[in-house]
Amino acid sequence: MHPNGVPYLRPAGNAQGLANYPHARTVTAGHGASYIHISGTSSRRGDGSFVGAERSHDPNGNTSLKLDIRLQTEAVLKNIAAIIDCATGGKAGMQNVVEVTVFLTNMKDDYAGMNEEWNKVWPDRTMAPARTTVEVRALPGGKSWWR
């Protein structure tokens, strides 16, 4: 038994952490209830590419990136659902999520699209987890992969 709970690592072929940390960690409280803590998750695939991020090159050799927050959010939520399902042996799902922190790099352009996908998973406000959404300057892994 690990002193800080049981780690869960997604199988090879799925995106792995950018440092040494598990996708999730399950801990059991003194009263016997289990809790799962999920590491930050993105739309990154196992091959390092990202769902919702399409590269293009113009005739001058310049690279641009088209981002689709809806596709990214859908992929993130599916990744989280898969982590919960596998880490708990199917005993928990998205309906058990209590709190979420969302990090966006462009609140103005992405907030509405992210909310559209969020509301598909949690259409009932009374059943949705508590949530905080913050804008950040950058996220780990950033745009360096597409250059």
Foldseek 3Di string as FASTA:
>chain_A
DDPQAAAAADDQFADGDPDPDGQWGWDADPVGDIDIDGDDFWQATNVRDGFQWDWDADPVGDIDIGGDLLRTLLSRQVVVQVCVCVVVVNPDGQLPDAEEEAEAQDCVPRVVSNVVNQCVVVVDPVSHHHYHYDYDNADPVGPPVRD
